Structure formats: structure tokens, C-alpha cells
Amino acid sequence: MKETGILFTPANITAILEGRKSQTRRIIKPQPTHLGGGHYAWKQVPMNATDILQSLCPYGTIGDRLYVKEACLARANGEAYLYKRDYSLVEAAGIGGMYGGWKSPMFMPKAAARLWLEITDVQAQRLINIPQLDAMEEGADGPDYKVGYKAIWESIHGPGSWERNPWVWAISFKKVSR
């Protein structure tokens, strides 16, 4: 079983913990090559070869685990980790100052992970082809979940990123214990 670290915004971590988010989309890098006639390939694999593509997803495949990386710091005595998301902005600033600053989620060690996810499905798809149900499972608000998800996507990836319509890994997951 593969274990891979994955970054989420604090709002998305909260949505996962509250049971409102069970999918994530990540841009496929490099983007698939257009072969003409509406056909695409990634690393010479046709985009409709679902089983092969699932096995090539850098985040893992069905049954693999993701550990959520978040801003944290280790106490000076090494007893426990503190997590920035657990504190107000003022509290976080004070605590960060006491312990030498919060570490970027990118550098959080696996041992500090407190949220683990098991991959239940992996698909490669164009971003704007997200179904309404999937947009809801991305943590978007209704009644038009797709519009809500577009707002979430652009808040993370910047204005106009939705219209670029990249190929993405659509990863479904469930919370699990380590």
C-alpha cells in the first residue's frame, strides 16, 4: 500500500472532517497531448484507458492512503505537534512566535499526520466535465454545486483557471484511521 502526502486548504480539511468533502481534483502534469479528432494521451496512454491511467496517478490508486499535510510545529520538548488550523489567527501568531514559526504544510512529516484518507476511486477527466454530484462531494455549496465548485477552484488556482479546463485527477476518498 502506497502512502502519499497531500495538501489541502484549511477550509477543505474542515470540510473533510465534517463529512462534506470526499473528492479532490488535482491538475495532471504534464497535461495530456492532443492527438487530433478529440483524442488525447498522457505518457502515451490514451485518456480512455481508465485502468492503466488509475495505476499511473502519482497520488496512488484504489486502496492506497493519503496523509493530509497541514501547517504544524513540533514543541521544543518534542512531545507533540501543534497544528495552526486549531488556533485563531491571534493565537497562531503567538504560538508560532514562541516555537520559531509554523512550518509549511509541504514540510510536515508523515509522523505528524492526524488525518488519513483511503483512495476509493481515481479518474482522469476534464475539469469542467465535473458532474453536479461530484461538485457536491468536493465540498461545494448548492443549489448549483458546479458553480460553487468553480468558485472554490478559482480561489485556489486563480481567475480564469476554470476556463483553461485542464485535465485533472479526480480522486475519491474516505477517512480512515492510520
N, C-alpha and C. Protein backbone atom coordinates (compact mmCIF):
# COMPACT_ATOMS: atom_id res chain seq x y z
N MET A 1 0.85 -1.17 0.00
CA MET A 1 0.00 0.00 0.00
C MET A 1 0.90 1.24 0.00
N LYS A 2 0.61 2.12 -0.91
CA LYS A 2 1.36 3.37 -1.04
C LYS A 2 0.77 4.42 -0.10
N GLU A 3 1.63 5.22 0.54
CA GLU A 3 1.19 6.32 1.39
C GLU A 3 1.81 7.61 0.85
N THR A 4 0.96 8.56 0.50
CA THR A 4 1.41 9.79 -0.13
C THR A 4 0.86 10.99 0.61
N GLY A 5 1.69 12.00 0.81
CA GLY A 5 1.24 13.23 1.43
C GLY A 5 0.48 14.08 0.43
N ILE A 6 -0.54 14.80 0.90
CA ILE A 6 -1.35 15.64 0.04
C ILE A 6 -1.71 16.92 0.80
N LEU A 7 -1.67 18.04 0.11
CA LEU A 7 -2.01 19.32 0.70
C LEU A 7 -3.47 19.66 0.46
N PHE A 8 -4.12 20.21 1.46
CA PHE A 8 -5.46 20.75 1.35
C PHE A 8 -5.47 22.11 2.05
N THR A 9 -6.35 23.00 1.60
CA THR A 9 -6.52 24.27 2.31
C THR A 9 -7.14 23.97 3.67
N PRO A 10 -6.97 24.87 4.64
CA PRO A 10 -7.63 24.65 5.94
C PRO A 10 -9.15 24.47 5.80
N ALA A 11 -9.78 25.23 4.90
CA ALA A 11 -11.23 25.10 4.69
C ALA A 11 -11.58 23.71 4.16
N ASN A 12 -10.75 23.17 3.27
CA ASN A 12 -11.01 21.83 2.75
C ASN A 12 -10.78 20.75 3.81
N ILE A 13 -9.81 20.95 4.69
CA ILE A 13 -9.60 19.99 5.78
C ILE A 13 -10.84 19.97 6.67
N THR A 14 -11.36 21.15 6.98
CA THR A 14 -12.58 21.23 7.78
C THR A 14 -13.73 20.51 7.09
N ALA A 15 -13.88 20.72 5.77
CA ALA A 15 -14.96 20.07 5.02
C ALA A 15 -14.81 18.55 5.06
N ILE A 16 -13.59 18.04 5.00
CA ILE A 16 -13.37 16.59 5.09
C ILE A 16 -13.79 16.10 6.47
N LEU A 17 -13.34 16.80 7.51
CA LEU A 17 -13.66 16.39 8.88
C LEU A 17 -15.15 16.43 9.16
N GLU A 18 -15.86 17.37 8.53
CA GLU A 18 -17.31 17.49 8.71
C GLU A 18 -18.10 16.55 7.80
N GLY A 19 -17.40 15.81 6.93
CA GLY A 19 -18.08 14.87 6.04
C GLY A 19 -18.67 15.51 4.80
N ARG A 20 -18.31 16.75 4.49
CA ARG A 20 -18.82 17.45 3.31
C ARG A 20 -17.92 17.30 2.09
N LYS A 21 -16.75 16.72 2.25
CA LYS A 21 -15.81 16.59 1.14
C LYS A 21 -15.26 15.17 1.11
N SER A 22 -15.44 14.51 -0.03
CA SER A 22 -14.91 13.15 -0.21
C SER A 22 -14.27 12.98 -1.58
N GLN A 23 -13.98 14.10 -2.25
CA GLN A 23 -13.27 14.07 -3.54
C GLN A 23 -12.32 15.25 -3.60
N THR A 24 -11.29 15.09 -4.42
CA THR A 24 -10.39 16.20 -4.74
C THR A 24 -9.96 16.07 -6.19
N ARG A 25 -9.67 17.19 -6.80
CA ARG A 25 -9.17 17.20 -8.16
C ARG A 25 -7.82 17.87 -8.17
N ARG A 26 -6.87 17.24 -8.86
CA ARG A 26 -5.50 17.74 -8.95
C ARG A 26 -5.11 17.78 -10.42
N ILE A 27 -4.46 18.86 -10.82
CA ILE A 27 -4.08 19.03 -12.23
C ILE A 27 -3.07 17.95 -12.62
N ILE A 28 -3.32 17.31 -13.75
CA ILE A 28 -2.41 16.30 -14.29
C ILE A 28 -1.21 17.04 -14.90
N LYS A 29 -0.02 16.60 -14.51
CA LYS A 29 1.22 17.21 -15.02
C LYS A 29 2.10 16.13 -15.61
N PRO A 30 2.61 16.34 -16.81
CA PRO A 30 2.22 17.39 -17.75
C PRO A 30 0.81 17.10 -18.28
N GLN A 31 0.21 18.10 -18.88
CA GLN A 31 -1.12 17.93 -19.45
C GLN A 31 -1.07 16.93 -20.62
N PRO A 32 -2.13 16.14 -20.80
CA PRO A 32 -2.17 15.20 -21.92
C PRO A 32 -1.99 15.91 -23.26
N THR A 33 -1.48 15.16 -24.21
CA THR A 33 -1.24 15.67 -25.56
C THR A 33 -2.47 15.45 -26.42
N HIS A 34 -2.85 16.48 -27.16
CA HIS A 34 -3.98 16.35 -28.09
C HIS A 34 -3.49 15.64 -29.34
N LEU A 35 -4.13 14.52 -29.66
CA LEU A 35 -3.72 13.72 -30.81
C LEU A 35 -4.52 14.04 -32.06
N GLY A 36 -5.54 14.90 -31.92
CA GLY A 36 -6.42 15.22 -33.03
C GLY A 36 -7.71 14.44 -32.94
N GLY A 37 -8.75 14.97 -33.55
CA GLY A 37 -10.03 14.27 -33.59
C GLY A 37 -10.64 14.05 -32.21
N GLY A 38 -10.32 14.90 -31.24
CA GLY A 38 -10.88 14.75 -29.90
C GLY A 38 -10.19 13.69 -29.06
N HIS A 39 -9.05 13.17 -29.50
CA HIS A 39 -8.32 12.14 -28.76
C HIS A 39 -7.11 12.75 -28.06
N TYR A 40 -6.88 12.26 -26.83
CA TYR A 40 -5.76 12.73 -26.02
C TYR A 40 -5.01 11.54 -25.46
N ALA A 41 -3.73 11.77 -25.13
CA ALA A 41 -2.92 10.73 -24.49
C ALA A 41 -2.03 11.39 -23.45
N TRP A 42 -1.77 10.66 -22.37
CA TRP A 42 -0.86 11.11 -21.33
C TRP A 42 0.20 10.04 -21.16
N LYS A 43 1.44 10.44 -21.33
CA LYS A 43 2.56 9.49 -21.27
C LYS A 43 2.29 8.30 -22.20
N GLN A 44 1.78 8.62 -23.37
CA GLN A 44 1.49 7.66 -24.44
C GLN A 44 0.36 6.69 -24.09
N VAL A 45 -0.43 7.01 -23.08
CA VAL A 45 -1.59 6.18 -22.72
C VAL A 45 -2.85 6.94 -23.14
N PRO A 46 -3.74 6.33 -23.91
CA PRO A 46 -4.99 7.00 -24.28
C PRO A 46 -5.78 7.39 -23.04
N MET A 47 -6.41 8.55 -23.07
CA MET A 47 -7.12 9.04 -21.89
C MET A 47 -8.36 8.21 -21.56
N ASN A 48 -8.79 7.33 -22.46
CA ASN A 48 -9.92 6.46 -22.16
C ASN A 48 -9.48 5.09 -21.62
N ALA A 49 -8.19 4.91 -21.38
CA ALA A 49 -7.66 3.66 -20.83
C ALA A 49 -7.67 3.77 -19.30
N THR A 50 -8.86 3.73 -18.71
CA THR A 50 -9.07 4.02 -17.29
C THR A 50 -8.19 3.19 -16.37
N ASP A 51 -8.13 1.88 -16.56
CA ASP A 51 -7.37 1.02 -15.66
C ASP A 51 -5.88 1.38 -15.65
N ILE A 52 -5.34 1.64 -16.84
CA ILE A 52 -3.91 1.98 -16.93
C ILE A 52 -3.68 3.35 -16.29
N LEU A 53 -4.55 4.33 -16.59
CA LEU A 53 -4.39 5.66 -16.03
C LEU A 53 -4.46 5.64 -14.51
N GLN A 54 -5.39 4.85 -13.95
CA GLN A 54 -5.50 4.76 -12.49
C GLN A 54 -4.18 4.33 -11.87
N SER A 55 -3.51 3.40 -12.50
CA SER A 55 -2.26 2.89 -11.95
C SER A 55 -1.12 3.90 -12.07
N LEU A 56 -1.27 4.92 -12.91
CA LEU A 56 -0.23 5.92 -13.11
C LEU A 56 -0.43 7.19 -12.30
N CYS A 57 -1.54 7.32 -11.61
CA CYS A 57 -1.81 8.53 -10.83
C CYS A 57 -0.74 8.68 -9.75
N PRO A 58 -0.06 9.83 -9.69
CA PRO A 58 1.02 10.00 -8.70
C PRO A 58 0.53 10.02 -7.25
N TYR A 59 -0.76 10.20 -7.04
CA TYR A 59 -1.29 10.22 -5.67
C TYR A 59 -1.63 8.82 -5.18
N GLY A 60 -1.68 7.86 -6.08
CA GLY A 60 -1.98 6.48 -5.71
C GLY A 60 -3.17 5.96 -6.47
N THR A 61 -3.56 4.75 -6.15
CA THR A 61 -4.69 4.10 -6.79
C THR A 61 -5.62 3.56 -5.70
N ILE A 62 -6.67 2.92 -6.10
CA ILE A 62 -7.67 2.44 -5.15
C ILE A 62 -7.01 1.59 -4.06
N GLY A 63 -7.32 1.92 -2.81
CA GLY A 63 -6.76 1.22 -1.66
C GLY A 63 -5.53 1.87 -1.06
N ASP A 64 -4.87 2.76 -1.81
CA ASP A 64 -3.71 3.47 -1.28
C ASP A 64 -4.18 4.55 -0.30
N ARG A 65 -3.26 5.06 0.49
CA ARG A 65 -3.58 6.04 1.53
C ARG A 65 -2.93 7.39 1.24
N LEU A 66 -3.66 8.42 1.63
CA LEU A 66 -3.16 9.79 1.58
C LEU A 66 -3.10 10.30 3.01
N TYR A 67 -2.01 10.96 3.37
CA TYR A 67 -1.99 11.63 4.67
C TYR A 67 -2.00 13.13 4.40
N VAL A 68 -2.87 13.83 5.13
CA VAL A 68 -3.10 15.25 4.89
C VAL A 68 -2.02 16.05 5.58
N LYS A 69 -1.34 16.90 4.78
CA LYS A 69 -0.28 17.75 5.30
C LYS A 69 -0.87 19.12 5.63
N GLU A 70 -0.54 19.62 6.82
CA GLU A 70 -1.04 20.91 7.25
C GLU A 70 0.05 21.64 8.03
N ALA A 71 -0.09 22.95 8.16
CA ALA A 71 0.89 23.75 8.89
C ALA A 71 0.94 23.28 10.34
N CYS A 72 2.15 22.97 10.80
CA CYS A 72 2.30 22.48 12.16
C CYS A 72 3.68 22.86 12.68
N LEU A 73 3.89 22.56 13.93
CA LEU A 73 5.22 22.72 14.52
C LEU A 73 5.37 21.72 15.64
N ALA A 74 6.61 21.35 15.88
CA ALA A 74 6.90 20.44 16.98
C ALA A 74 7.25 21.28 18.20
N ARG A 75 6.71 20.91 19.34
CA ARG A 75 7.08 21.61 20.57
C ARG A 75 8.56 21.40 20.84
N ALA A 76 9.13 22.34 21.54
CA ALA A 76 10.57 22.28 21.83
C ALA A 76 10.96 20.99 22.53
N ASN A 77 10.08 20.46 23.37
CA ASN A 77 10.40 19.24 24.10
C ASN A 77 10.15 17.99 23.25
N GLY A 78 9.65 18.17 22.03
CA GLY A 78 9.42 17.06 21.12
C GLY A 78 8.26 16.16 21.50
N GLU A 79 7.45 16.57 22.49
CA GLU A 79 6.36 15.72 22.96
C GLU A 79 5.21 15.60 21.97
N ALA A 80 4.87 16.69 21.32
CA ALA A 80 3.68 16.65 20.47
C ALA A 80 3.78 17.71 19.38
N TYR A 81 2.94 17.56 18.39
CA TYR A 81 2.83 18.57 17.34
C TYR A 81 1.66 19.48 17.65
N LEU A 82 1.79 20.72 17.22
CA LEU A 82 0.70 21.68 17.28
C LEU A 82 0.31 21.98 15.84
N TYR A 83 -0.97 22.24 15.60
CA TYR A 83 -1.48 22.45 14.25
C TYR A 83 -2.11 23.84 14.16
N LYS A 84 -1.63 24.61 13.21
CA LYS A 84 -2.06 26.00 13.06
C LYS A 84 -3.57 26.12 12.90
N ARG A 85 -4.19 25.17 12.22
CA ARG A 85 -5.62 25.22 11.95
C ARG A 85 -6.46 25.17 13.23
N ASP A 86 -5.87 24.73 14.33
CA ASP A 86 -6.59 24.60 15.59
C ASP A 86 -6.69 25.91 16.39
N TYR A 87 -6.06 26.97 15.89
CA TYR A 87 -5.98 28.21 16.64
C TYR A 87 -6.53 29.39 15.85
N SER A 88 -6.97 30.41 16.56
CA SER A 88 -7.37 31.66 15.91
C SER A 88 -6.11 32.30 15.32
N LEU A 89 -6.28 33.31 14.47
CA LEU A 89 -5.12 33.99 13.88
C LEU A 89 -4.20 34.58 14.94
N VAL A 90 -4.80 35.19 15.96
CA VAL A 90 -4.00 35.80 17.03
C VAL A 90 -3.26 34.74 17.83
N GLU A 91 -3.96 33.68 18.21
CA GLU A 91 -3.32 32.60 18.96
C GLU A 91 -2.20 31.95 18.14
N ALA A 92 -2.47 31.72 16.85
CA ALA A 92 -1.48 31.08 15.98
C ALA A 92 -0.22 31.93 15.87
N ALA A 93 -0.41 33.25 15.79
CA ALA A 93 0.75 34.14 15.69
C ALA A 93 1.59 34.04 16.97
N GLY A 94 0.95 34.05 18.13
CA GLY A 94 1.69 33.95 19.39
C GLY A 94 2.40 32.63 19.55
N ILE A 95 1.70 31.55 19.24
CA ILE A 95 2.29 30.22 19.39
C ILE A 95 3.44 30.04 18.40
N GLY A 96 3.22 30.49 17.17
CA GLY A 96 4.29 30.40 16.17
C GLY A 96 5.53 31.16 16.63
N GLY A 97 5.32 32.33 17.23
CA GLY A 97 6.44 33.12 17.73
C GLY A 97 7.19 32.42 18.86
N MET A 98 6.46 31.72 19.71
CA MET A 98 7.09 31.02 20.84
C MET A 98 7.97 29.85 20.38
N TYR A 99 7.56 29.21 19.29
CA TYR A 99 8.25 27.99 18.87
C TYR A 99 9.04 28.14 17.57
N GLY A 100 9.30 29.36 17.16
CA GLY A 100 10.15 29.56 15.98
C GLY A 100 9.42 29.54 14.65
N GLY A 101 8.13 29.67 14.67
CA GLY A 101 7.36 29.79 13.43
C GLY A 101 6.75 28.48 12.96
N TRP A 102 5.62 28.61 12.31
CA TRP A 102 4.91 27.45 11.75
C TRP A 102 5.65 26.94 10.53
N LYS A 103 5.71 25.66 10.40
CA LYS A 103 6.34 25.03 9.23
C LYS A 103 5.29 24.91 8.12
N SER A 104 5.73 25.14 6.91
CA SER A 104 4.84 24.99 5.75
C SER A 104 4.30 23.56 5.71
N PRO A 105 3.03 23.41 5.30
CA PRO A 105 2.49 22.05 5.16
C PRO A 105 3.35 21.16 4.26
N MET A 106 4.04 21.77 3.30
CA MET A 106 4.87 20.97 2.39
C MET A 106 5.92 20.16 3.15
N PHE A 107 6.34 20.66 4.31
CA PHE A 107 7.43 20.02 5.04
C PHE A 107 6.95 19.23 6.26
N MET A 108 5.64 19.05 6.40
CA MET A 108 5.12 18.29 7.53
C MET A 108 5.53 16.82 7.39
N PRO A 109 6.13 16.25 8.43
CA PRO A 109 6.49 14.83 8.35
C PRO A 109 5.26 13.93 8.45
N LYS A 110 5.36 12.76 7.85
CA LYS A 110 4.25 11.80 7.89
C LYS A 110 3.85 11.48 9.33
N ALA A 111 4.82 11.44 10.24
CA ALA A 111 4.53 11.11 11.63
C ALA A 111 3.59 12.13 12.29
N ALA A 112 3.52 13.34 11.75
CA ALA A 112 2.67 14.38 12.33
C ALA A 112 1.25 14.34 11.77
N ALA A 113 1.01 13.52 10.77
CA ALA A 113 -0.32 13.49 10.13
C ALA A 113 -1.38 12.99 11.09
N ARG A 114 -2.48 13.72 11.14
CA ARG A 114 -3.59 13.30 12.00
C ARG A 114 -4.84 12.98 11.20
N LEU A 115 -4.80 13.20 9.90
CA LEU A 115 -5.93 12.89 9.03
C LEU A 115 -5.43 12.01 7.88
N TRP A 116 -6.00 10.82 7.79
CA TRP A 116 -5.63 9.84 6.77
C TRP A 116 -6.84 9.53 5.91
N LEU A 117 -6.61 9.37 4.61
CA LEU A 117 -7.67 9.11 3.64
C LEU A 117 -7.31 7.87 2.84
N GLU A 118 -8.30 7.06 2.52
CA GLU A 118 -8.09 5.91 1.65
C GLU A 118 -8.72 6.22 0.30
N ILE A 119 -7.96 6.03 -0.77
CA ILE A 119 -8.47 6.30 -2.12
C ILE A 119 -9.48 5.22 -2.48
N THR A 120 -10.67 5.65 -2.91
CA THR A 120 -11.72 4.71 -3.30
C THR A 120 -11.95 4.71 -4.81
N ASP A 121 -11.45 5.73 -5.51
CA ASP A 121 -11.59 5.79 -6.97
C ASP A 121 -10.64 6.85 -7.52
N VAL A 122 -10.16 6.62 -8.73
CA VAL A 122 -9.31 7.58 -9.43
C VAL A 122 -9.77 7.63 -10.88
N GLN A 123 -10.01 8.83 -11.38
CA GLN A 123 -10.39 9.02 -12.78
C GLN A 123 -9.57 10.17 -13.35
N ALA A 124 -9.34 10.15 -14.64
CA ALA A 124 -8.76 11.29 -15.35
C ALA A 124 -9.89 11.92 -16.15
N GLN A 125 -10.08 13.23 -16.00
CA GLN A 125 -11.18 13.90 -16.69
C GLN A 125 -10.87 15.37 -16.89
N ARG A 126 -11.64 15.99 -17.78
CA ARG A 126 -11.53 17.44 -17.95
C ARG A 126 -12.25 18.11 -16.79
N LEU A 127 -11.68 19.19 -16.30
CA LEU A 127 -12.21 19.87 -15.12
C LEU A 127 -13.68 20.24 -15.25
N ILE A 128 -14.05 20.89 -16.35
CA ILE A 128 -15.43 21.40 -16.44
C ILE A 128 -16.46 20.29 -16.69
N ASN A 129 -16.00 19.05 -16.86
CA ASN A 129 -16.93 17.94 -17.01
C ASN A 129 -17.36 17.36 -15.67
N ILE A 130 -17.03 18.03 -14.58
CA ILE A 130 -17.39 17.54 -13.26
C ILE A 130 -18.91 17.46 -13.13
N PRO A 131 -19.45 16.31 -12.75
CA PRO A 131 -20.89 16.19 -12.54
C PRO A 131 -21.32 16.95 -11.27
N GLN A 132 -22.60 17.31 -11.19
CA GLN A 132 -23.13 18.02 -10.02
C GLN A 132 -22.84 17.26 -8.73
N LEU A 133 -23.06 15.94 -8.72
CA LEU A 133 -22.85 15.16 -7.51
C LEU A 133 -21.38 15.22 -7.08
N ASP A 134 -20.47 15.13 -8.04
CA ASP A 134 -19.04 15.21 -7.70
C ASP A 134 -18.70 16.60 -7.16
N ALA A 135 -19.29 17.65 -7.73
CA ALA A 135 -19.04 19.01 -7.23
C ALA A 135 -19.51 19.13 -5.78
N MET A 136 -20.63 18.49 -5.46
CA MET A 136 -21.11 18.48 -4.08
C MET A 136 -20.11 17.75 -3.19
N GLU A 137 -19.57 16.61 -3.67
CA GLU A 137 -18.61 15.83 -2.90
C GLU A 137 -17.24 16.51 -2.81
N GLU A 138 -17.04 17.56 -3.60
CA GLU A 138 -15.84 18.40 -3.49
C GLU A 138 -16.00 19.43 -2.37
N GLY A 139 -17.18 19.47 -1.77
CA GLY A 139 -17.42 20.40 -0.68
C GLY A 139 -18.08 21.69 -1.09
N ALA A 140 -18.56 21.76 -2.35
CA ALA A 140 -19.21 22.99 -2.84
C ALA A 140 -20.61 23.12 -2.26
N ASP A 141 -21.07 24.36 -2.19
CA ASP A 141 -22.43 24.64 -1.73
C ASP A 141 -23.38 24.63 -2.93
N GLY A 142 -24.65 24.29 -2.66
CA GLY A 142 -25.68 24.27 -3.69
C GLY A 142 -26.40 25.59 -3.74
N PRO A 143 -27.46 25.71 -4.55
CA PRO A 143 -28.13 24.62 -5.25
C PRO A 143 -27.41 24.19 -6.54
N ASP A 144 -26.58 25.07 -7.12
CA ASP A 144 -25.81 24.67 -8.30
C ASP A 144 -24.39 24.37 -7.83
N TYR A 145 -24.13 23.11 -7.49
CA TYR A 145 -22.85 22.73 -6.91
C TYR A 145 -21.68 22.99 -7.86
N LYS A 146 -21.93 22.87 -9.15
CA LYS A 146 -20.86 23.08 -10.12
C LYS A 146 -20.39 24.54 -10.10
N VAL A 147 -21.32 25.47 -9.98
CA VAL A 147 -20.97 26.90 -9.87
C VAL A 147 -20.19 27.13 -8.57
N GLY A 148 -20.63 26.48 -7.50
CA GLY A 148 -19.92 26.59 -6.22
C GLY A 148 -18.52 26.04 -6.31
N TYR A 149 -18.36 24.91 -7.01
CA TYR A 149 -17.03 24.32 -7.14
C TYR A 149 -16.14 25.20 -8.01
N LYS A 150 -16.70 25.81 -9.04
CA LYS A 150 -15.90 26.72 -9.87
C LYS A 150 -15.30 27.83 -9.00
N ALA A 151 -16.07 28.36 -8.07
CA ALA A 151 -15.58 29.41 -7.17
C ALA A 151 -14.44 28.88 -6.29
N ILE A 152 -14.60 27.66 -5.77
CA ILE A 152 -13.55 27.05 -4.96
C ILE A 152 -12.28 26.88 -5.78
N TRP A 153 -12.44 26.32 -7.00
CA TRP A 153 -11.29 26.06 -7.88
C TRP A 153 -10.53 27.35 -8.16
N GLU A 154 -11.26 28.41 -8.53
CA GLU A 154 -10.60 29.67 -8.87
C GLU A 154 -10.01 30.36 -7.65
N SER A 155 -10.54 30.11 -6.46
CA SER A 155 -9.94 30.69 -5.26
C SER A 155 -8.57 30.07 -4.98
N ILE A 156 -8.38 28.83 -5.43
CA ILE A 156 -7.11 28.13 -5.23
C ILE A 156 -6.16 28.35 -6.40
N HIS A 157 -6.68 28.27 -7.63
CA HIS A 157 -5.84 28.27 -8.83
C HIS A 157 -5.82 29.60 -9.59
N GLY A 158 -6.62 30.55 -9.15
CA GLY A 158 -6.60 31.89 -9.75
C GLY A 158 -7.70 32.10 -10.78
N PRO A 159 -8.00 33.39 -11.03
CA PRO A 159 -9.03 33.74 -12.01
C PRO A 159 -8.71 33.17 -13.40
N GLY A 160 -9.72 32.67 -14.07
CA GLY A 160 -9.55 32.12 -15.41
C GLY A 160 -9.07 30.68 -15.45
N SER A 161 -8.74 30.11 -14.28
CA SER A 161 -8.22 28.74 -14.26
C SER A 161 -9.28 27.71 -14.62
N TRP A 162 -10.55 28.04 -14.36
CA TRP A 162 -11.65 27.14 -14.72
C TRP A 162 -11.77 27.05 -16.23
N GLU A 163 -11.73 28.19 -16.90
CA GLU A 163 -11.90 28.22 -18.35
C GLU A 163 -10.77 27.53 -19.09
N ARG A 164 -9.60 27.42 -18.48
CA ARG A 164 -8.49 26.70 -19.12
C ARG A 164 -8.81 25.21 -19.23
N ASN A 165 -9.75 24.74 -18.40
CA ASN A 165 -10.27 23.38 -18.46
C ASN A 165 -9.16 22.32 -18.54
N PRO A 166 -8.27 22.28 -17.54
CA PRO A 166 -7.20 21.28 -17.59
C PRO A 166 -7.72 19.87 -17.35
N TRP A 167 -6.92 18.91 -17.76
CA TRP A 167 -7.16 17.53 -17.36
C TRP A 167 -6.77 17.42 -15.89
N VAL A 168 -7.58 16.70 -15.12
CA VAL A 168 -7.34 16.56 -13.69
C VAL A 168 -7.47 15.10 -13.26
N TRP A 169 -6.80 14.78 -12.15
CA TRP A 169 -7.05 13.52 -11.46
C TRP A 169 -8.25 13.77 -10.56
N ALA A 170 -9.32 13.03 -10.72
CA ALA A 170 -10.49 13.10 -9.85
C ALA A 170 -10.33 11.94 -8.87
N ILE A 171 -10.02 12.28 -7.62
CA ILE A 171 -9.70 11.28 -6.60
C ILE A 171 -10.80 11.26 -5.55
N SER A 172 -11.45 10.12 -5.40
CA SER A 172 -12.45 9.94 -4.35
C SER A 172 -11.78 9.25 -3.18
N PHE A 173 -12.23 9.57 -1.95
CA PHE A 173 -11.60 9.02 -0.76
C PHE A 173 -12.58 8.91 0.39
N LYS A 174 -12.15 8.17 1.40
CA LYS A 174 -12.90 8.11 2.66
C LYS A 174 -11.89 8.26 3.80
N LYS A 175 -12.34 8.83 4.92
CA LYS A 175 -11.49 8.98 6.09
C LYS A 175 -11.24 7.60 6.71
N VAL A 176 -10.01 7.41 7.14
CA VAL A 176 -9.64 6.15 7.81
C VAL A 176 -8.71 6.45 8.98
N SER A 177 -8.54 5.46 9.84
CA SER A 177 -7.55 5.56 10.91
C SER A 177 -6.20 5.18 10.34
N ARG A 178 -5.16 5.65 10.96
CA ARG A 178 -3.83 5.27 10.49
C ARG A 178 -3.64 3.80 10.71
